[in-house]
Amino acid sequence: MNRDEHSHHSGAPRAPGHKGAQMASLIQRIVQMEILRGIADPRMRGLVTVLGVDMATDLEEASVRVSVLPAEFGSLNIQALNHAASHLRRTVLKESRIRHAPKLRFVLDESLKRAAEVEAAMRAAGGEHDGDHDGDQGQQELSEKMDN
């Protein structure tokens, strides 16, 4: 069986193809612009960034992954965005040429927060390690560059 035959195996659920990826990109761009314009909800606070959009295989629903800084505003922002989801869906329809926009569901993506925590832990471990090797000039230079 060649590769093309294998990729069109019937019966297995398929991830959205080109159309799904295009729609996800379009939704991400439009929703981010609307957030930047401002959503009239007092729960919206801090820096909100749309990290990505995950489309359902039938293209009927989209999970919009957002990051919020500072992190303590995360749940409030998610509540506000889910409250505004139907408005944002209409905006996607209005600003694009698609006939049907998926139902939007906003989820908090804490991957950036976890990455920052890992980086901070690595810096802390590196700082302890630097004290053991006073002559390691390269390690100190790298640490100084990371701090700047």
C-alpha atoms as a PDB file:
ATOM      1  CA  MET A   1       0.000   0.000   0.000  1.00  0.00           C
ATOM      2  CA  ASN A   2       1.496   3.314  -0.970  1.00  0.00           C
ATOM      3  CA  ARG A   3       1.491   6.373   1.223  1.00  0.00           C
ATOM      4  CA  ASP A   4      -1.465   8.064  -0.524  1.00  0.00           C
ATOM      5  CA  GLU A   5      -3.680   5.014  -0.109  1.00  0.00           C
ATOM      6  CA  HIS A   6      -2.762   4.772   3.562  1.00  0.00           C
ATOM      7  CA  SER A   7      -3.568   8.422   4.284  1.00  0.00           C
ATOM      8  CA  HIS A   8      -7.091   8.065   2.855  1.00  0.00           C
ATOM      9  CA  HIS A   9      -8.011   5.111   5.036  1.00  0.00           C
ATOM     10  CA  SER A  10     -11.769   5.233   5.461  1.00  0.00           C
ATOM     11  CA  GLY A  11     -13.419   4.906   8.825  1.00  0.00           C
ATOM     12  CA  ALA A  12     -10.748   6.702  10.844  1.00  0.00           C
ATOM     13  CA  PRO A  13     -11.553  10.225  12.042  1.00  0.00           C
ATOM     14  CA  ARG A  14      -9.415  12.736  10.214  1.00  0.00           C
ATOM     15  CA  ALA A  15      -8.125  16.017  11.492  1.00  0.00           C
ATOM     16  CA  PRO A  16      -9.367  19.005   9.539  1.00  0.00           C
ATOM     17  CA  GLY A  17      -7.306  19.474   6.427  1.00  0.00           C
ATOM     18  CA  HIS A  18      -6.449  22.618   4.549  1.00  0.00           C
ATOM     19  CA  LYS A  19      -9.923  24.126   5.028  1.00  0.00           C
ATOM     20  CA  GLY A  20      -9.800  23.571   8.787  1.00  0.00           C
ATOM     21  CA  ALA A  21      -6.319  25.056   9.046  1.00  0.00           C
ATOM     22  CA  GLN A  22      -7.376  28.103   7.029  1.00  0.00           C
ATOM     23  CA  MET A  23     -10.461  28.598   9.174  1.00  0.00           C
ATOM     24  CA  ALA A  24      -8.432  28.227  12.390  1.00  0.00           C
ATOM     25  CA  SER A  25      -5.944  30.842  11.202  1.00  0.00           C
ATOM     26  CA  LEU A  26      -8.733  33.215  10.190  1.00  0.00           C
ATOM     27  CA  ILE A  27     -10.506  32.827  13.545  1.00  0.00           C
ATOM     28  CA  GLN A  28      -7.252  33.353  15.442  1.00  0.00           C
ATOM     29  CA  ARG A  29      -6.495  36.587  13.566  1.00  0.00           C
ATOM     30  CA  ILE A  30     -10.017  38.056  13.859  1.00  0.00           C
ATOM     31  CA  VAL A  31     -10.494  37.139  17.528  1.00  0.00           C
ATOM     32  CA  GLN A  32      -7.075  38.577  18.446  1.00  0.00           C
ATOM     33  CA  MET A  33      -7.953  41.835  16.653  1.00  0.00           C
ATOM     34  CA  GLU A  34     -11.283  42.041  18.519  1.00  0.00           C
ATOM     35  CA  ILE A  35      -9.510  41.504  21.840  1.00  0.00           C
ATOM     36  CA  LEU A  36      -7.055  44.272  20.958  1.00  0.00           C
ATOM     37  CA  ARG A  37      -9.945  46.590  20.019  1.00  0.00           C
ATOM     38  CA  GLY A  38     -11.406  45.878  23.433  1.00  0.00           C
ATOM     39  CA  ILE A  39     -14.196  43.691  24.705  1.00  0.00           C
ATOM     40  CA  ALA A  40     -16.677  45.647  26.814  1.00  0.00           C
ATOM     41  CA  ASP A  41     -16.550  43.436  29.875  1.00  0.00           C
ATOM     42  CA  PRO A  42     -15.056  44.485  33.208  1.00  0.00           C
ATOM     43  CA  ARG A  43     -13.655  40.969  33.669  1.00  0.00           C
ATOM     44  CA  MET A  44     -11.228  41.539  30.781  1.00  0.00           C
ATOM     45  CA  ARG A  45      -7.913  42.468  32.402  1.00  0.00           C
ATOM     46  CA  GLY A  46      -4.248  42.063  31.639  1.00  0.00           C
ATOM     47  CA  LEU A  47      -2.614  40.916  28.444  1.00  0.00           C
ATOM     48  CA  VAL A  48      -4.690  38.370  26.514  1.00  0.00           C
ATOM     49  CA  THR A  49      -3.054  36.557  23.606  1.00  0.00           C
ATOM     50  CA  VAL A  50      -4.678  34.050  21.267  1.00  0.00           C
ATOM     51  CA  LEU A  51      -2.148  31.220  21.008  1.00  0.00           C
ATOM     52  CA  GLY A  52      -4.070  29.004  18.613  1.00  0.00           C
ATOM     53  CA  VAL A  53      -7.384  27.587  17.480  1.00  0.00           C
ATOM     54  CA  ASP A  54      -8.181  23.880  17.453  1.00  0.00           C
ATOM     55  CA  MET A  55     -10.960  22.953  15.032  1.00  0.00           C
ATOM     56  CA  ALA A  56     -13.293  20.015  15.556  1.00  0.00           C
ATOM     57  CA  THR A  57     -13.153  17.476  12.747  1.00  0.00           C
ATOM     58  CA  ASP A  58     -16.622  18.523  11.544  1.00  0.00           C
ATOM     59  CA  LEU A  59     -15.606  22.242  11.664  1.00  0.00           C
ATOM     60  CA  GLU A  60     -18.667  22.989  13.836  1.00  0.00           C
ATOM     61  CA  GLU A  61     -16.709  23.950  16.963  1.00  0.00           C
ATOM     62  CA  ALA A  62     -13.440  25.703  17.631  1.00  0.00           C
ATOM     63  CA  SER A  63     -11.454  25.787  20.863  1.00  0.00           C
ATOM     64  CA  VAL A  64      -9.636  29.095  21.088  1.00  0.00           C
ATOM     65  CA  ARG A  65      -6.541  28.768  23.284  1.00  0.00           C
ATOM     66  CA  VAL A  66      -5.593  31.973  25.071  1.00  0.00           C
ATOM     67  CA  SER A  67      -2.807  33.017  27.399  1.00  0.00           C
ATOM     68  CA  VAL A  68      -3.404  35.654  30.069  1.00  0.00           C
ATOM     69  CA  LEU A  69      -0.797  37.684  31.934  1.00  0.00           C
ATOM     70  CA  PRO A  70      -0.792  38.194  34.817  1.00  0.00           C
ATOM     71  CA  ALA A  71      -2.006  34.655  35.387  1.00  0.00           C
ATOM     72  CA  GLU A  72      -4.399  35.558  38.209  1.00  0.00           C
ATOM     73  CA  PHE A  73      -6.723  37.187  35.637  1.00  0.00           C
ATOM     74  CA  GLY A  74      -6.962  33.973  33.588  1.00  0.00           C
ATOM     75  CA  SER A  75     -10.277  32.579  34.782  1.00  0.00           C
ATOM     76  CA  LEU A  76     -12.030  35.973  34.696  1.00  0.00           C
ATOM     77  CA  ASN A  77     -10.888  36.563  31.124  1.00  0.00           C
ATOM     78  CA  ILE A  78     -12.047  33.098  30.056  1.00  0.00           C
ATOM     79  CA  GLN A  79     -15.476  33.799  31.565  1.00  0.00           C
ATOM     80  CA  ALA A  80     -15.664  37.130  29.723  1.00  0.00           C
ATOM     81  CA  LEU A  81     -14.542  35.629  26.399  1.00  0.00           C
ATOM     82  CA  ASN A  82     -17.005  32.734  26.627  1.00  0.00           C
ATOM     83  CA  HIS A  83     -19.734  35.265  27.449  1.00  0.00           C
ATOM     84  CA  ALA A  84     -18.737  37.221  24.296  1.00  0.00           C
ATOM     85  CA  ALA A  85     -18.365  34.078  22.147  1.00  0.00           C
ATOM     86  CA  SER A  86     -21.544  34.589  20.097  1.00  0.00           C
ATOM     87  CA  HIS A  87     -20.565  38.221  19.400  1.00  0.00           C
ATOM     88  CA  LEU A  88     -17.089  37.097  18.367  1.00  0.00           C
ATOM     89  CA  ARG A  89     -18.595  34.394  16.148  1.00  0.00           C
ATOM     90  CA  ARG A  90     -20.725  37.026  14.381  1.00  0.00           C
ATOM     91  CA  THR A  91     -17.616  39.197  13.972  1.00  0.00           C
ATOM     92  CA  VAL A  92     -15.790  36.274  12.341  1.00  0.00           C
ATOM     93  CA  LEU A  93     -18.709  35.885   9.904  1.00  0.00           C
ATOM     94  CA  LYS A  94     -18.854  39.618   9.170  1.00  0.00           C
ATOM     95  CA  GLU A  95     -15.100  40.093   8.642  1.00  0.00           C
ATOM     96  CA  SER A  96     -14.561  36.962   6.556  1.00  0.00           C
ATOM     97  CA  ARG A  97     -16.143  35.461   3.488  1.00  0.00           C
ATOM     98  CA  ILE A  98     -17.151  32.210   5.126  1.00  0.00           C
ATOM     99  CA  ARG A  99     -20.825  31.260   5.252  1.00  0.00           C
ATOM    100  CA  HIS A 100     -20.713  29.384   8.537  1.00  0.00           C
ATOM    101  CA  ALA A 101     -18.531  30.106  11.544  1.00  0.00           C
ATOM    102  CA  PRO A 102     -17.986  27.426  14.169  1.00  0.00           C
ATOM    103  CA  LYS A 103     -19.166  27.762  17.743  1.00  0.00           C
ATOM    104  CA  LEU A 104     -16.304  29.309  19.733  1.00  0.00           C
ATOM    105  CA  ARG A 105     -15.170  28.004  23.096  1.00  0.00           C
ATOM    106  CA  PHE A 106     -12.347  29.729  24.944  1.00  0.00           C
ATOM    107  CA  VAL A 107      -9.857  27.780  27.033  1.00  0.00           C
ATOM    108  CA  LEU A 108      -6.928  28.932  29.120  1.00  0.00           C
ATOM    109  CA  ASP A 109      -3.609  27.733  27.751  1.00  0.00           C
ATOM    110  CA  GLU A 110      -0.996  27.819  30.491  1.00  0.00           C
ATOM    111  CA  SER A 111       1.877  26.510  28.381  1.00  0.00           C
ATOM    112  CA  LEU A 112       3.647  29.905  28.440  1.00  0.00           C
ATOM    113  CA  LYS A 113       3.310  30.058  32.223  1.00  0.00           C
ATOM    114  CA  ARG A 114       4.733  26.535  32.563  1.00  0.00           C
ATOM    115  CA  ALA A 115       7.596  27.398  30.201  1.00  0.00           C
ATOM    116  CA  ALA A 116       8.436  30.478  32.286  1.00  0.00           C
ATOM    117  CA  GLU A 117       8.379  28.380  35.466  1.00  0.00           C
ATOM    118  CA  VAL A 118      10.722  25.803  33.922  1.00  0.00           C
ATOM    119  CA  GLU A 119      13.058  28.551  32.732  1.00  0.00           C
ATOM    120  CA  ALA A 120      13.074  30.155  36.187  1.00  0.00           C
ATOM    121  CA  ALA A 121      13.833  26.781  37.794  1.00  0.00           C
ATOM    122  CA  MET A 122      16.664  26.197  35.321  1.00  0.00           C
ATOM    123  CA  ARG A 123      18.106  29.634  36.064  1.00  0.00           C
ATOM    124  CA  ALA A 124      17.899  28.960  39.802  1.00  0.00           C
ATOM    125  CA  ALA A 125      19.605  25.583  39.389  1.00  0.00           C
ATOM    126  CA  GLY A 126      22.213  27.176  37.118  1.00  0.00           C
ATOM    127  CA  GLY A 127      22.858  29.883  39.705  1.00  0.00           C
ATOM    128  CA  GLU A 128      23.544  27.284  42.384  1.00  0.00           C
ATOM    129  CA  HIS A 129      25.776  25.390  39.960  1.00  0.00           C
ATOM    130  CA  ASP A 130      27.743  28.570  39.093  1.00  0.00           C
ATOM    131  CA  GLY A 131      28.739  29.002  42.745  1.00  0.00           C
ATOM    132  CA  ASP A 132      30.488  25.630  42.712  1.00  0.00           C
ATOM    133  CA  HIS A 133      32.737  26.592  39.792  1.00  0.00           C
ATOM    134  CA  ASP A 134      34.236  30.049  40.386  1.00  0.00           C
ATOM    135  CA  GLY A 135      36.510  29.736  37.346  1.00  0.00           C
ATOM    136  CA  ASP A 136      33.748  28.993  34.827  1.00  0.00           C
ATOM    137  CA  GLN A 137      33.716  32.358  32.985  1.00  0.00           C
ATOM    138  CA  GLY A 138      31.554  31.095  30.071  1.00  0.00           C
ATOM    139  CA  GLN A 139      28.721  30.038  32.370  1.00  0.00           C
ATOM    140  CA  GLN A 140      28.730  33.435  34.100  1.00  0.00           C
ATOM    141  CA  GLU A 141      28.625  35.270  30.752  1.00  0.00           C
ATOM    142  CA  LEU A 142      25.691  33.156  29.593  1.00  0.00           C
ATOM    143  CA  SER A 143      23.853  33.806  32.845  1.00  0.00           C
ATOM    144  CA  GLU A 144      24.429  37.557  32.504  1.00  0.00           C
ATOM    145  CA  LYS A 145      23.116  37.540  28.915  1.00  0.00           C
ATOM    146  CA  MET A 146      19.980  35.655  29.973  1.00  0.00           C
ATOM    147  CA  ASP A 147      19.315  38.188  32.736  1.00  0.00           C
ATOM    148  CA  ASN A 148      19.466  41.115  30.265  1.00  0.00           C
END
